[in-house]
Amino acid sequence: MSWSMALGMFKSLIEQCHAKCINKSHAEGDVSKQEALCLDRCVSKYLETDVQVGENMQKLGQSGQLYRKLSSDMDQSGAWT
């Protein structure tokens, strides 16, 4: 994985888990126990999902199915359908 891909994944993880878990209605300086638990679960699920997607893509790539799937999802102009 390239540095820019890892950075993009980390940025996405932060944005998604922050939006889901951090309560915006109060201005406490510390993260509450409930927020910390939510963040822990969110990060865990995000990383677990990333591993599963990576494994599936690797399997598809090894069999040539990934290329065929991506090719079939594009029209002749190269746009996604």
PDB file of N, CA and C in Angstrom:
ATOM      1  N   MET A   1       0.854  -1.169   0.000  1.00  0.00           N
ATOM      2  CA  MET A   1       0.000   0.000   0.000  1.00  0.00           C
ATOM      3  C   MET A   1       0.900   1.231   0.000  1.00  0.00           C
ATOM      4  N   SER A   2       0.565   2.165  -0.840  1.00  0.00           N
ATOM      5  CA  SER A   2       1.369   3.381  -0.922  1.00  0.00           C
ATOM      6  C   SER A   2       1.071   4.293   0.262  1.00  0.00           C
ATOM      7  N   TRP A   3       1.994   5.216   0.500  1.00  0.00           N
ATOM      8  CA  TRP A   3       1.848   6.171   1.596  1.00  0.00           C
ATOM      9  C   TRP A   3       0.578   7.001   1.419  1.00  0.00           C
ATOM     10  N   SER A   4       0.303   7.452   0.208  1.00  0.00           N
ATOM     11  CA  SER A   4      -0.881   8.289  -0.025  1.00  0.00           C
ATOM     12  C   SER A   4      -2.171   7.493   0.169  1.00  0.00           C
ATOM     13  N   MET A   5      -2.170   6.213  -0.190  1.00  0.00           N
ATOM     14  CA  MET A   5      -3.350   5.380   0.039  1.00  0.00           C
ATOM     15  C   MET A   5      -3.588   5.178   1.528  1.00  0.00           C
ATOM     16  N   ALA A   6      -2.518   4.915   2.277  1.00  0.00           N
ATOM     17  CA  ALA A   6      -2.638   4.727   3.724  1.00  0.00           C
ATOM     18  C   ALA A   6      -3.124   6.004   4.390  1.00  0.00           C
ATOM     19  N   LEU A   7      -2.601   7.132   3.952  1.00  0.00           N
ATOM     20  CA  LEU A   7      -3.016   8.420   4.500  1.00  0.00           C
ATOM     21  C   LEU A   7      -4.487   8.690   4.185  1.00  0.00           C
ATOM     22  N   GLY A   8      -4.914   8.376   2.981  1.00  0.00           N
ATOM     23  CA  GLY A   8      -6.312   8.545   2.597  1.00  0.00           C
ATOM     24  C   GLY A   8      -7.236   7.660   3.415  1.00  0.00           C
ATOM     25  N   MET A   9      -6.817   6.415   3.653  1.00  0.00           N
ATOM     26  CA  MET A   9      -7.612   5.502   4.465  1.00  0.00           C
ATOM     27  C   MET A   9      -7.724   6.018   5.894  1.00  0.00           C
ATOM     28  N   PHE A  10      -6.616   6.495   6.445  1.00  0.00           N
ATOM     29  CA  PHE A  10      -6.607   7.023   7.806  1.00  0.00           C
ATOM     30  C   PHE A  10      -7.506   8.251   7.910  1.00  0.00           C
ATOM     31  N   LYS A  11      -7.443   9.126   6.925  1.00  0.00           N
ATOM     32  CA  LYS A  11      -8.283  10.329   6.914  1.00  0.00           C
ATOM     33  C   LYS A  11      -9.759   9.948   6.865  1.00  0.00           C
ATOM     34  N   SER A  12     -10.094   8.988   6.028  1.00  0.00           N
ATOM     35  CA  SER A  12     -11.476   8.528   5.918  1.00  0.00           C
ATOM     36  C   SER A  12     -11.957   7.917   7.229  1.00  0.00           C
ATOM     37  N   LEU A  13     -11.112   7.112   7.854  1.00  0.00           N
ATOM     38  CA  LEU A  13     -11.446   6.496   9.133  1.00  0.00           C
ATOM     39  C   LEU A  13     -11.731   7.569  10.180  1.00  0.00           C
ATOM     40  N   ILE A  14     -10.871   8.566  10.274  1.00  0.00           N
ATOM     41  CA  ILE A  14     -11.053   9.650  11.246  1.00  0.00           C
ATOM     42  C   ILE A  14     -12.361  10.393  10.988  1.00  0.00           C
ATOM     43  N   GLU A  15     -12.608  10.755   9.744  1.00  0.00           N
ATOM     44  CA  GLU A  15     -13.816  11.520   9.407  1.00  0.00           C
ATOM     45  C   GLU A  15     -15.081  10.734   9.725  1.00  0.00           C
ATOM     46  N   GLN A  16     -15.112   9.471   9.317  1.00  0.00           N
ATOM     47  CA  GLN A  16     -16.316   8.667   9.515  1.00  0.00           C
ATOM     48  C   GLN A  16     -16.574   8.378  10.988  1.00  0.00           C
ATOM     49  N   CYS A  17     -15.541   7.974  11.711  1.00  0.00           N
ATOM     50  CA  CYS A  17     -15.733   7.634  13.120  1.00  0.00           C
ATOM     51  C   CYS A  17     -15.998   8.884  13.961  1.00  0.00           C
ATOM     52  N   HIS A  18     -15.383   9.999  13.630  1.00  0.00           N
ATOM     53  CA  HIS A  18     -15.642  11.248  14.356  1.00  0.00           C
ATOM     54  C   HIS A  18     -17.090  11.675  14.152  1.00  0.00           C
ATOM     55  N   ALA A  19     -17.558  11.628  12.911  1.00  0.00           N
ATOM     56  CA  ALA A  19     -18.939  12.026  12.613  1.00  0.00           C
ATOM     57  C   ALA A  19     -19.941  11.129  13.330  1.00  0.00           C
ATOM     58  N   LYS A  20     -19.612   9.854  13.447  1.00  0.00           N
ATOM     59  CA  LYS A  20     -20.529   8.903  14.064  1.00  0.00           C
ATOM     60  C   LYS A  20     -20.504   8.967  15.589  1.00  0.00           C
ATOM     61  N   CYS A  21     -19.342   9.204  16.180  1.00  0.00           N
ATOM     62  CA  CYS A  21     -19.180   8.977  17.619  1.00  0.00           C
ATOM     63  C   CYS A  21     -19.051  10.220  18.496  1.00  0.00           C
ATOM     64  N   ILE A  22     -18.576  11.310  17.964  1.00  0.00           N
ATOM     65  CA  ILE A  22     -18.314  12.480  18.805  1.00  0.00           C
ATOM     66  C   ILE A  22     -19.561  13.349  18.891  1.00  0.00           C
ATOM     67  N   ASN A  23     -20.023  13.558  20.115  1.00  0.00           N
ATOM     68  CA  ASN A  23     -21.218  14.354  20.371  1.00  0.00           C
ATOM     69  C   ASN A  23     -20.899  15.826  20.156  1.00  0.00           C
ATOM     70  N   LYS A  24     -21.629  16.449  19.266  1.00  0.00           N
ATOM     71  CA  LYS A  24     -21.363  17.848  18.927  1.00  0.00           C
ATOM     72  C   LYS A  24     -22.145  18.825  19.803  1.00  0.00           C
ATOM     73  N   SER A  25     -23.025  18.319  20.666  1.00  0.00           N
ATOM     74  CA  SER A  25     -23.891  19.202  21.449  1.00  0.00           C
ATOM     75  C   SER A  25     -23.239  19.722  22.727  1.00  0.00           C
ATOM     76  N   HIS A  26     -22.068  19.233  23.068  1.00  0.00           N
ATOM     77  CA  HIS A  26     -21.389  19.749  24.255  1.00  0.00           C
ATOM     78  C   HIS A  26     -19.944  20.084  23.933  1.00  0.00           C
ATOM     79  N   ALA A  27     -19.381  20.927  24.740  1.00  0.00           N
ATOM     80  CA  ALA A  27     -18.025  21.418  24.451  1.00  0.00           C
ATOM     81  C   ALA A  27     -17.011  20.925  25.478  1.00  0.00           C
ATOM     82  N   GLU A  28     -17.178  19.691  25.966  1.00  0.00           N
ATOM     83  CA  GLU A  28     -16.215  19.138  26.915  1.00  0.00           C
ATOM     84  C   GLU A  28     -14.872  18.943  26.222  1.00  0.00           C
ATOM     85  N   GLY A  29     -13.828  19.130  26.982  1.00  0.00           N
ATOM     86  CA  GLY A  29     -12.495  18.962  26.425  1.00  0.00           C
ATOM     87  C   GLY A  29     -12.094  17.510  26.267  1.00  0.00           C
ATOM     88  N   ASP A  30     -12.667  16.639  27.077  1.00  0.00           N
ATOM     89  CA  ASP A  30     -12.307  15.225  27.052  1.00  0.00           C
ATOM     90  C   ASP A  30     -13.369  14.401  26.333  1.00  0.00           C
ATOM     91  N   VAL A  31     -12.938  13.285  25.806  1.00  0.00           N
ATOM     92  CA  VAL A  31     -13.852  12.345  25.167  1.00  0.00           C
ATOM     93  C   VAL A  31     -14.557  11.563  26.275  1.00  0.00           C
ATOM     94  N   SER A  32     -15.877  11.449  26.187  1.00  0.00           N
ATOM     95  CA  SER A  32     -16.632  10.706  27.199  1.00  0.00           C
ATOM     96  C   SER A  32     -16.372   9.206  27.040  1.00  0.00           C
ATOM     97  N   LYS A  33     -16.733   8.443  28.068  1.00  0.00           N
ATOM     98  CA  LYS A  33     -16.565   6.990  27.999  1.00  0.00           C
ATOM     99  C   LYS A  33     -17.397   6.405  26.861  1.00  0.00           C
ATOM    100  N   GLN A  34     -18.605   6.921  26.688  1.00  0.00           N
ATOM    101  CA  GLN A  34     -19.478   6.443  25.620  1.00  0.00           C
ATOM    102  C   GLN A  34     -18.866   6.744  24.249  1.00  0.00           C
ATOM    103  N   GLU A  35     -18.315   7.940  24.081  1.00  0.00           N
ATOM    104  CA  GLU A  35     -17.674   8.303  22.814  1.00  0.00           C
ATOM    105  C   GLU A  35     -16.445   7.435  22.563  1.00  0.00           C
ATOM    106  N   ALA A  36     -15.654   7.198  23.614  1.00  0.00           N
ATOM    107  CA  ALA A  36     -14.446   6.376  23.473  1.00  0.00           C
ATOM    108  C   ALA A  36     -14.802   4.950  23.064  1.00  0.00           C
ATOM    109  N   LEU A  37     -15.861   4.410  23.657  1.00  0.00           N
ATOM    110  CA  LEU A  37     -16.300   3.061  23.303  1.00  0.00           C
ATOM    111  C   LEU A  37     -16.773   3.013  21.852  1.00  0.00           C
ATOM    112  N   CYS A  38     -17.544   4.015  21.453  1.00  0.00           N
ATOM    113  CA  CYS A  38     -18.015   4.096  20.066  1.00  0.00           C
ATOM    114  C   CYS A  38     -16.832   4.188  19.100  1.00  0.00           C
ATOM    115  N   LEU A  39     -15.862   5.035  19.424  1.00  0.00           N
ATOM    116  CA  LEU A  39     -14.681   5.188  18.562  1.00  0.00           C
ATOM    117  C   LEU A  39     -13.913   3.878  18.443  1.00  0.00           C
ATOM    118  N   ASP A  40     -13.757   3.176  19.569  1.00  0.00           N
ATOM    119  CA  ASP A  40     -13.043   1.903  19.569  1.00  0.00           C
ATOM    120  C   ASP A  40     -13.738   0.899  18.653  1.00  0.00           C
ATOM    121  N   ARG A  41     -15.048   0.812  18.766  1.00  0.00           N
ATOM    122  CA  ARG A  41     -15.809  -0.117  17.920  1.00  0.00           C
ATOM    123  C   ARG A  41     -15.756   0.296  16.455  1.00  0.00           C
ATOM    124  N   CYS A  42     -15.882   1.591  16.204  1.00  0.00           N
ATOM    125  CA  CYS A  42     -15.875   2.097  14.831  1.00  0.00           C
ATOM    126  C   CYS A  42     -14.544   1.791  14.143  1.00  0.00           C
ATOM    127  N   VAL A  43     -13.447   2.084  14.819  1.00  0.00           N
ATOM    128  CA  VAL A  43     -12.122   1.839  14.248  1.00  0.00           C
ATOM    129  C   VAL A  43     -11.921   0.343  14.016  1.00  0.00           C
ATOM    130  N   SER A  44     -12.328  -0.469  14.985  1.00  0.00           N
ATOM    131  CA  SER A  44     -12.181  -1.914  14.856  1.00  0.00           C
ATOM    132  C   SER A  44     -12.951  -2.442  13.647  1.00  0.00           C
ATOM    133  N   LYS A  45     -14.200  -2.007  13.492  1.00  0.00           N
ATOM    134  CA  LYS A  45     -15.015  -2.453  12.355  1.00  0.00           C
ATOM    135  C   LYS A  45     -14.440  -1.954  11.033  1.00  0.00           C
ATOM    136  N   TYR A  46     -13.974  -0.720  11.018  1.00  0.00           N
ATOM    137  CA  TYR A  46     -13.406  -0.138   9.799  1.00  0.00           C
ATOM    138  C   TYR A  46     -12.195  -0.955   9.351  1.00  0.00           C
ATOM    139  N   LEU A  47     -11.294  -1.247  10.286  1.00  0.00           N
ATOM    140  CA  LEU A  47     -10.081  -1.988   9.941  1.00  0.00           C
ATOM    141  C   LEU A  47     -10.397  -3.432   9.558  1.00  0.00           C
ATOM    142  N   GLU A  48     -11.340  -4.050  10.269  1.00  0.00           N
ATOM    143  CA  GLU A  48     -11.735  -5.419   9.937  1.00  0.00           C
ATOM    144  C   GLU A  48     -12.331  -5.482   8.532  1.00  0.00           C
ATOM    145  N   THR A  49     -13.161  -4.526   8.212  1.00  0.00           N
ATOM    146  CA  THR A  49     -13.767  -4.465   6.881  1.00  0.00           C
ATOM    147  C   THR A  49     -12.708  -4.244   5.812  1.00  0.00           C
ATOM    148  N   ASP A  50     -11.736  -3.377   6.097  1.00  0.00           N
ATOM    149  CA  ASP A  50     -10.664  -3.114   5.141  1.00  0.00           C
ATOM    150  C   ASP A  50      -9.872  -4.387   4.847  1.00  0.00           C
ATOM    151  N   VAL A  51      -9.598  -5.172   5.880  1.00  0.00           N
ATOM    152  CA  VAL A  51      -8.867  -6.427   5.696  1.00  0.00           C
ATOM    153  C   VAL A  51      -9.685  -7.386   4.832  1.00  0.00           C
ATOM    154  N   GLN A  52     -10.989  -7.508   5.124  1.00  0.00           N
ATOM    155  CA  GLN A  52     -11.840  -8.410   4.353  1.00  0.00           C
ATOM    156  C   GLN A  52     -11.931  -7.985   2.890  1.00  0.00           C
ATOM    157  N   VAL A  53     -12.083  -6.701   2.651  1.00  0.00           N
ATOM    158  CA  VAL A  53     -12.146  -6.200   1.276  1.00  0.00           C
ATOM    159  C   VAL A  53     -10.824  -6.476   0.560  1.00  0.00           C
ATOM    160  N   GLY A  54      -9.713  -6.216   1.236  1.00  0.00           N
ATOM    161  CA  GLY A  54      -8.402  -6.473   0.648  1.00  0.00           C
ATOM    162  C   GLY A  54      -8.203  -7.935   0.287  1.00  0.00           C
ATOM    163  N   GLU A  55      -8.621  -8.833   1.191  1.00  0.00           N
ATOM    164  CA  GLU A  55      -8.496 -10.266   0.918  1.00  0.00           C
ATOM    165  C   GLU A  55      -9.351 -10.673  -0.278  1.00  0.00           C
ATOM    166  N   ASN A  56     -10.581 -10.168  -0.337  1.00  0.00           N
ATOM    167  CA  ASN A  56     -11.460 -10.500  -1.467  1.00  0.00           C
ATOM    168  C   ASN A  56     -10.918  -9.951  -2.778  1.00  0.00           C
ATOM    169  N   MET A  57     -10.397  -8.740  -2.759  1.00  0.00           N
ATOM    170  CA  MET A  57      -9.826  -8.161  -3.980  1.00  0.00           C
ATOM    171  C   MET A  57      -8.604  -8.949  -4.426  1.00  0.00           C
ATOM    172  N   GLN A  58      -7.807  -9.401  -3.464  1.00  0.00           N
ATOM    173  CA  GLN A  58      -6.626 -10.186  -3.809  1.00  0.00           C
ATOM    174  C   GLN A  58      -7.040 -11.504  -4.467  1.00  0.00           C
ATOM    175  N   LYS A  59      -8.052 -12.158  -3.908  1.00  0.00           N
ATOM    176  CA  LYS A  59      -8.537 -13.409  -4.500  1.00  0.00           C
ATOM    177  C   LYS A  59      -9.066 -13.176  -5.915  1.00  0.00           C
ATOM    178  N   LEU A  60      -9.856 -12.120  -6.079  1.00  0.00           N
ATOM    179  CA  LEU A  60     -10.390 -11.803  -7.405  1.00  0.00           C
ATOM    180  C   LEU A  60      -9.271 -11.451  -8.379  1.00  0.00           C
ATOM    181  N   GLY A  61      -8.282 -10.716  -7.904  1.00  0.00           N
ATOM    182  CA  GLY A  61      -7.165 -10.319  -8.752  1.00  0.00           C
ATOM    183  C   GLY A  61      -6.346 -11.506  -9.208  1.00  0.00           C
ATOM    184  N   GLN A  62      -6.155 -12.479  -8.316  1.00  0.00           N
ATOM    185  CA  GLN A  62      -5.376 -13.658  -8.666  1.00  0.00           C
ATOM    186  C   GLN A  62      -6.082 -14.494  -9.727  1.00  0.00           C
ATOM    187  N   SER A  63      -7.388 -14.491  -9.696  1.00  0.00           N
ATOM    188  CA  SER A  63      -8.122 -15.298 -10.670  1.00  0.00           C
ATOM    189  C   SER A  63      -8.464 -14.523 -11.935  1.00  0.00           C
ATOM    190  N   GLY A  64      -8.124 -13.238 -11.963  1.00  0.00           N
ATOM    191  CA  GLY A  64      -8.429 -12.421 -13.124  1.00  0.00           C
ATOM    192  C   GLY A  64      -9.850 -11.879 -13.120  1.00  0.00           C
ATOM    193  N   GLN A  65     -10.630 -12.249 -12.110  1.00  0.00           N
ATOM    194  CA  GLN A  65     -12.022 -11.812 -12.045  1.00  0.00           C
ATOM    195  C   GLN A  65     -12.138 -10.325 -11.752  1.00  0.00           C
ATOM    196  N   LEU A  66     -11.216  -9.780 -10.990  1.00  0.00           N
ATOM    197  CA  LEU A  66     -11.287  -8.358 -10.649  1.00  0.00           C
ATOM    198  C   LEU A  66     -11.206  -7.506 -11.911  1.00  0.00           C
ATOM    199  N   TYR A  67     -10.262  -7.821 -12.789  1.00  0.00           N
ATOM    200  CA  TYR A  67     -10.119  -7.062 -14.035  1.00  0.00           C
ATOM    201  C   TYR A  67     -11.385  -7.172 -14.877  1.00  0.00           C
ATOM    202  N   ARG A  68     -11.914  -8.389 -14.988  1.00  0.00           N
ATOM    203  CA  ARG A  68     -13.138  -8.584 -15.770  1.00  0.00           C
ATOM    204  C   ARG A  68     -14.314  -7.840 -15.145  1.00  0.00           C
ATOM    205  N   LYS A  69     -14.416  -7.853 -13.826  1.00  0.00           N
ATOM    206  CA  LYS A  69     -15.507  -7.158 -13.138  1.00  0.00           C
ATOM    207  C   LYS A  69     -15.392  -5.657 -13.351  1.00  0.00           C
ATOM    208  N   LEU A  70     -14.204  -5.107 -13.165  1.00  0.00           N
ATOM    209  CA  LEU A  70     -14.023  -3.669 -13.360  1.00  0.00           C
ATOM    210  C   LEU A  70     -14.263  -3.284 -14.815  1.00  0.00           C
ATOM    211  N   SER A  71     -13.808  -4.109 -15.734  1.00  0.00           N
ATOM    212  CA  SER A  71     -14.013  -3.831 -17.155  1.00  0.00           C
ATOM    213  C   SER A  71     -15.487  -3.854 -17.516  1.00  0.00           C
ATOM    214  N   SER A  72     -16.233  -4.779 -16.935  1.00  0.00           N
ATOM    215  CA  SER A  72     -17.661  -4.873 -17.249  1.00  0.00           C
ATOM    216  C   SER A  72     -18.458  -3.740 -16.613  1.00  0.00           C
ATOM    217  N   ASP A  73     -17.922  -3.118 -15.566  1.00  0.00           N
ATOM    218  CA  ASP A  73     -18.603  -2.004 -14.907  1.00  0.00           C
ATOM    219  C   ASP A  73     -18.360  -0.673 -15.605  1.00  0.00           C
ATOM    220  N   MET A  74     -17.527  -0.656 -16.618  1.00  0.00           N
ATOM    221  CA  MET A  74     -17.269   0.566 -17.380  1.00  0.00           C
ATOM    222  C   MET A  74     -17.921   0.448 -18.748  1.00  0.00           C
ATOM    223  N   ASP A  75     -18.440   1.557 -19.231  1.00  0.00           N
ATOM    224  CA  ASP A  75     -18.940   1.535 -20.599  1.00  0.00           C
ATOM    225  C   ASP A  75     -17.767   1.774 -21.547  1.00  0.00           C
ATOM    226  N   GLN A  76     -18.013   1.821 -22.805  1.00  0.00           N
ATOM    227  CA  GLN A  76     -16.937   1.938 -23.786  1.00  0.00           C
ATOM    228  C   GLN A  76     -16.169   3.248 -23.684  1.00  0.00           C
ATOM    229  N   SER A  77     -16.779   4.281 -23.136  1.00  0.00           N
ATOM    230  CA  SER A  77     -16.081   5.568 -23.012  1.00  0.00           C
ATOM    231  C   SER A  77     -15.155   5.601 -21.804  1.00  0.00           C
ATOM    232  N   GLY A  78     -15.215   4.565 -20.968  1.00  0.00           N
ATOM    233  CA  GLY A  78     -14.374   4.526 -19.778  1.00  0.00           C
ATOM    234  C   GLY A  78     -15.069   5.052 -18.539  1.00  0.00           C
ATOM    235  N   ALA A  79     -16.345   5.397 -18.646  1.00  0.00           N
ATOM    236  CA  ALA A  79     -17.101   5.890 -17.490  1.00  0.00           C
ATOM    237  C   ALA A  79     -17.739   4.712 -16.762  1.00  0.00           C
ATOM    238  N   TRP A  80     -17.891   4.859 -15.457  1.00  0.00           N
ATOM    239  CA  TRP A  80     -18.538   3.817 -14.665  1.00  0.00           C
ATOM    240  C   TRP A  80     -20.021   3.791 -14.971  1.00  0.00           C
ATOM    241  N   THR A  81     -20.564   2.596 -15.048  1.00  0.00           N
ATOM    242  CA  THR A  81     -21.998   2.446 -15.319  1.00  0.00           C
ATOM    243  C   THR A  81     -22.756   2.156 -14.059  1.00  0.00           C
TER     244      THR A  81
END
